[in-house]
Amino acid sequence: MIDTLNNKGKGKTATEVFSLLSIIFKGALLHGVIRYNPLSIVVKTQHEGKHGKALTKEEEKQLLEYFKRTKYETLFAVILYTGLRPNEYETTKIEGDFVIAVNSKRKNKKLEYKRIPITPMLAPYLQDVVQLQFPTLLTMRKQFKTVFPNHILYDLRTTFYTRCKECNISDAARDEFVGHSLGVLGNAYTDLSDEYLLKEGEKFKY
């Protein structure tokens, strides 16, 4: 099964399956259900995750120009200038001076919203917009692929992260925007104010 997954190019899935089976078989050994671990003779290959590739500034303009005066212009501007993960689109809404969305990468399963300021780059696209309504993720991917067949939707998140660094936004604010964990101590003792986040967000212009 693991070889089949690897041969189909599903290395990440193969690694996850190997890890799950490893836990199951170790538990079975400890409880005396089996005498030998079948995975002991299976060669584990390490999957190398693919990192996103940022769009160039010209490609950013091309994307927004392609969807000009359509509902997708606003939606892609939101994605491009907030760094949202694709699985966070459906929870996205506007709240005051912020775009907020459920942070999908919280391991403790606690519901947590991340706050991304409406930056100078995003503000023009949200004039008179009260509510954001994204279509299905499949639809967004198809629309994006019509413009950039060699990019993936996640590349917009990589683009936002890259631009934050280029605009000298602080690491703490950037990590808050994209929903990165600050570590156990960082999460426990860091609670950035809206004023600070808005101030850092003002740097996001190019």
Protein backbone atom coordinates (compact mmCIF):
# COMPACT_ATOMS: atom_id res chain seq x y z
CA MET A 1 0.00 0.00 0.00
CA ILE A 2 2.77 2.45 0.93
CA ASP A 3 4.73 1.61 -2.23
CA THR A 4 1.59 2.14 -4.31
CA LEU A 5 1.02 5.57 -2.79
CA ASN A 6 4.65 6.55 -3.39
CA ASN A 7 4.49 5.32 -6.99
CA LYS A 8 1.41 7.48 -7.57
CA GLY A 9 3.32 10.53 -6.38
CA LYS A 10 1.41 10.72 -3.10
CA GLY A 11 4.49 10.90 -0.90
CA LYS A 12 2.87 12.99 1.81
CA THR A 13 -0.03 10.55 2.14
CA ALA A 14 2.39 7.60 2.22
CA THR A 15 4.34 9.24 5.07
CA GLU A 16 1.12 9.91 7.02
CA VAL A 17 -0.10 6.33 6.50
CA PHE A 18 3.28 4.97 7.64
CA SER A 19 3.10 7.08 10.83
CA LEU A 20 -0.46 5.96 11.63
CA LEU A 21 0.36 2.29 11.04
CA SER A 22 3.46 2.64 13.19
CA ILE A 23 1.36 3.84 16.15
CA ILE A 24 -1.20 1.06 15.62
CA PHE A 25 1.38 -1.73 15.40
CA LYS A 26 3.39 -0.47 18.38
CA GLY A 27 0.21 -0.48 20.43
CA ALA A 28 -0.63 -3.99 19.22
CA LEU A 29 2.84 -5.19 20.24
CA LEU A 30 2.54 -3.69 23.72
CA HIS A 31 -0.85 -5.37 24.23
CA GLY A 32 0.39 -8.73 22.97
CA VAL A 33 -1.95 -8.79 19.96
CA ILE A 34 0.95 -9.39 17.55
CA ARG A 35 4.47 -10.73 18.08
CA TYR A 36 6.28 -8.79 15.36
CA ASN A 37 5.88 -5.34 13.86
CA PRO A 38 5.21 -5.67 10.09
CA LEU A 39 6.67 -2.20 9.52
CA SER A 40 10.09 -3.35 10.73
CA ILE A 41 10.83 -4.62 7.21
CA VAL A 42 9.25 -1.68 5.38
CA VAL A 43 11.62 1.00 4.15
CA LYS A 44 10.35 4.43 5.13
CA THR A 45 10.91 7.16 2.57
CA GLN A 46 10.91 10.75 3.78
CA HIS A 47 8.53 12.98 1.89
CA GLU A 48 9.88 16.40 1.02
CA GLY A 49 7.11 18.97 1.10
CA LYS A 50 6.87 21.45 -1.75
CA HIS A 51 7.07 25.08 -0.75
CA GLY A 52 4.96 27.64 -2.50
CA LYS A 53 6.38 30.01 -5.08
CA ALA A 54 5.55 33.68 -4.72
CA LEU A 55 3.99 35.57 -7.59
CA THR A 56 5.97 38.44 -9.03
CA LYS A 57 4.50 41.92 -8.66
CA GLU A 58 3.69 41.85 -12.35
CA GLU A 59 1.82 38.58 -11.89
CA GLU A 60 -0.12 40.12 -9.00
CA LYS A 61 -1.29 42.91 -11.28
CA GLN A 62 -2.08 40.40 -14.01
CA LEU A 63 -4.28 38.37 -11.67
CA LEU A 64 -6.32 41.33 -10.45
CA GLU A 65 -6.58 42.83 -13.93
CA TYR A 66 -7.87 39.55 -15.36
CA PHE A 67 -10.79 39.52 -12.91
CA LYS A 68 -11.39 43.28 -12.96
CA ARG A 69 -15.02 44.27 -12.30
CA THR A 70 -16.00 40.71 -11.36
CA LYS A 71 -16.65 39.29 -7.91
CA TYR A 72 -13.37 37.41 -8.17
CA GLU A 73 -11.36 40.63 -8.26
CA THR A 74 -12.28 41.37 -4.64
CA LEU A 75 -11.92 37.76 -3.53
CA PHE A 76 -8.45 37.32 -5.03
CA ALA A 77 -7.38 40.69 -3.60
CA VAL A 78 -8.46 39.48 -0.15
CA ILE A 79 -6.49 36.25 -0.54
CA LEU A 80 -3.46 38.02 -1.99
CA TYR A 81 -3.32 40.71 0.68
CA THR A 82 -4.17 38.62 3.76
CA GLY A 83 -2.23 35.38 3.29
CA LEU A 84 -5.23 33.19 4.12
CA ARG A 85 -4.91 29.44 3.79
CA PRO A 86 -7.30 27.99 1.17
CA ASN A 87 -9.26 26.09 3.84
CA GLU A 88 -9.88 29.37 5.71
CA TYR A 89 -11.68 31.20 2.90
CA GLU A 90 -15.18 30.09 3.92
CA THR A 91 -14.81 31.56 7.43
CA THR A 92 -13.54 34.94 6.25
CA LYS A 93 -15.39 38.11 7.15
CA ILE A 94 -14.84 41.82 7.61
CA GLU A 95 -14.89 43.18 11.14
CA GLY A 96 -14.09 46.87 11.50
CA ASP A 97 -10.57 47.56 10.24
CA PHE A 98 -9.72 43.86 10.02
CA VAL A 99 -10.32 40.82 7.88
CA ILE A 100 -10.77 37.91 10.26
CA ALA A 101 -10.89 34.16 9.69
CA VAL A 102 -10.74 30.99 11.74
CA ASN A 103 -7.14 29.90 12.15
CA SER A 104 -7.18 26.37 10.75
CA LYS A 105 -3.81 25.39 12.22
CA ARG A 106 -4.54 25.20 15.94
CA LYS A 107 -3.57 21.74 17.22
CA ASN A 108 -5.52 22.08 20.46
CA LYS A 109 -8.73 22.34 18.38
CA LYS A 110 -9.62 25.56 20.19
CA LEU A 111 -11.57 27.96 17.97
CA GLU A 112 -9.35 30.93 17.27
CA TYR A 113 -9.74 33.82 14.88
CA LYS A 114 -6.76 35.51 13.30
CA ARG A 115 -6.88 39.23 12.50
CA ILE A 116 -5.33 40.74 9.41
CA PRO A 117 -5.51 44.52 9.05
CA ILE A 118 -7.15 45.99 5.97
CA THR A 119 -3.89 47.29 4.55
CA PRO A 120 -3.36 50.12 2.03
CA MET A 121 -3.07 47.46 -0.68
CA LEU A 122 -6.40 45.83 0.20
CA ALA A 123 -8.51 48.83 1.19
CA PRO A 124 -9.40 49.95 -2.38
CA TYR A 125 -10.96 46.55 -3.08
CA LEU A 126 -13.18 46.58 0.01
CA GLN A 127 -14.89 49.92 -0.50
CA ASP A 128 -18.62 49.39 0.02
CA VAL A 129 -18.05 45.66 0.67
CA VAL A 130 -19.94 44.57 3.79
CA GLN A 131 -19.79 40.79 3.49
CA LEU A 132 -17.41 38.36 1.81
CA GLN A 133 -18.83 35.25 0.23
CA PHE A 134 -16.43 32.78 -1.30
CA PRO A 135 -17.59 30.06 -3.70
CA THR A 136 -16.28 26.53 -3.25
CA LEU A 137 -12.55 25.98 -2.99
CA LEU A 138 -12.69 23.95 -6.21
CA THR A 139 -14.18 26.95 -8.01
CA MET A 140 -11.49 29.28 -6.69
CA ARG A 141 -8.78 26.87 -7.80
CA LYS A 142 -10.26 26.58 -11.29
CA GLN A 143 -10.52 30.35 -11.66
CA PHE A 144 -6.95 30.82 -10.49
CA LYS A 145 -5.66 28.14 -12.86
CA THR A 146 -7.22 29.94 -15.84
CA VAL A 147 -4.68 32.71 -15.24
CA PHE A 148 -1.71 30.80 -13.82
CA PRO A 149 -1.75 27.10 -14.75
CA ASN A 150 1.77 26.68 -13.33
CA HIS A 151 0.96 28.18 -9.93
CA ILE A 152 -1.15 26.79 -7.09
CA LEU A 153 -3.63 28.74 -4.98
CA TYR A 154 -1.36 28.40 -1.93
CA ASP A 155 1.22 30.51 -3.77
CA LEU A 156 -0.87 33.57 -2.91
CA ARG A 157 -0.15 32.90 0.77
CA THR A 158 3.55 32.60 -0.01
CA THR A 159 3.32 35.88 -1.90
CA PHE A 160 1.75 37.66 1.07
CA TYR A 161 4.40 36.30 3.45
CA THR A 162 7.13 37.43 1.06
CA ARG A 163 5.70 40.94 0.69
CA CYS A 164 5.41 41.28 4.49
CA LYS A 165 9.14 40.65 4.77
CA GLU A 166 9.89 43.05 1.93
CA CYS A 167 7.77 45.75 3.61
CA ASN A 168 9.67 45.28 6.90
CA ILE A 169 6.63 44.19 8.89
CA SER A 170 7.75 42.82 12.26
CA ASP A 171 8.04 39.06 12.62
CA ALA A 172 5.51 39.04 15.48
CA ALA A 173 2.90 40.93 13.46
CA ARG A 174 3.53 38.87 10.33
CA ASP A 175 3.12 35.62 12.24
CA GLU A 176 -0.10 36.95 13.75
CA PHE A 177 -1.41 37.82 10.28
CA VAL A 178 -0.70 34.40 8.78
CA GLY A 179 -1.71 32.47 11.89
CA HIS A 180 1.65 30.93 12.77
CA SER A 181 2.19 29.57 16.25
CA LEU A 182 4.64 31.52 18.41
CA GLY A 183 5.46 28.42 20.43
CA VAL A 184 4.11 27.48 23.83
CA LEU A 185 5.64 30.44 25.67
CA GLY A 186 5.00 32.87 22.84
CA ASN A 187 1.33 31.96 22.62
CA ALA A 188 0.93 32.16 26.38
CA TYR A 189 2.55 35.55 26.87
CA THR A 190 1.88 37.40 23.60
CA ASP A 191 -1.35 39.29 22.98
CA LEU A 192 -0.72 41.94 20.35
CA SER A 193 -3.03 44.94 20.43
CA ASP A 194 -5.20 45.99 17.50
CA GLU A 195 -3.38 49.32 17.46
CA TYR A 196 -0.03 47.59 17.00
CA LEU A 197 -1.33 45.30 14.25
CA LEU A 198 -2.92 48.22 12.40
CA LYS A 199 0.31 50.20 12.65
CA GLU A 200 2.31 47.30 11.20
CA GLY A 201 -0.35 46.78 8.55
CA GLU A 202 0.16 50.34 7.33
CA LYS A 203 3.63 49.28 6.19
CA PHE A 204 2.09 46.86 3.71
CA LYS A 205 2.21 48.98 0.57
CA TYR A 206 4.30 48.70 -2.56
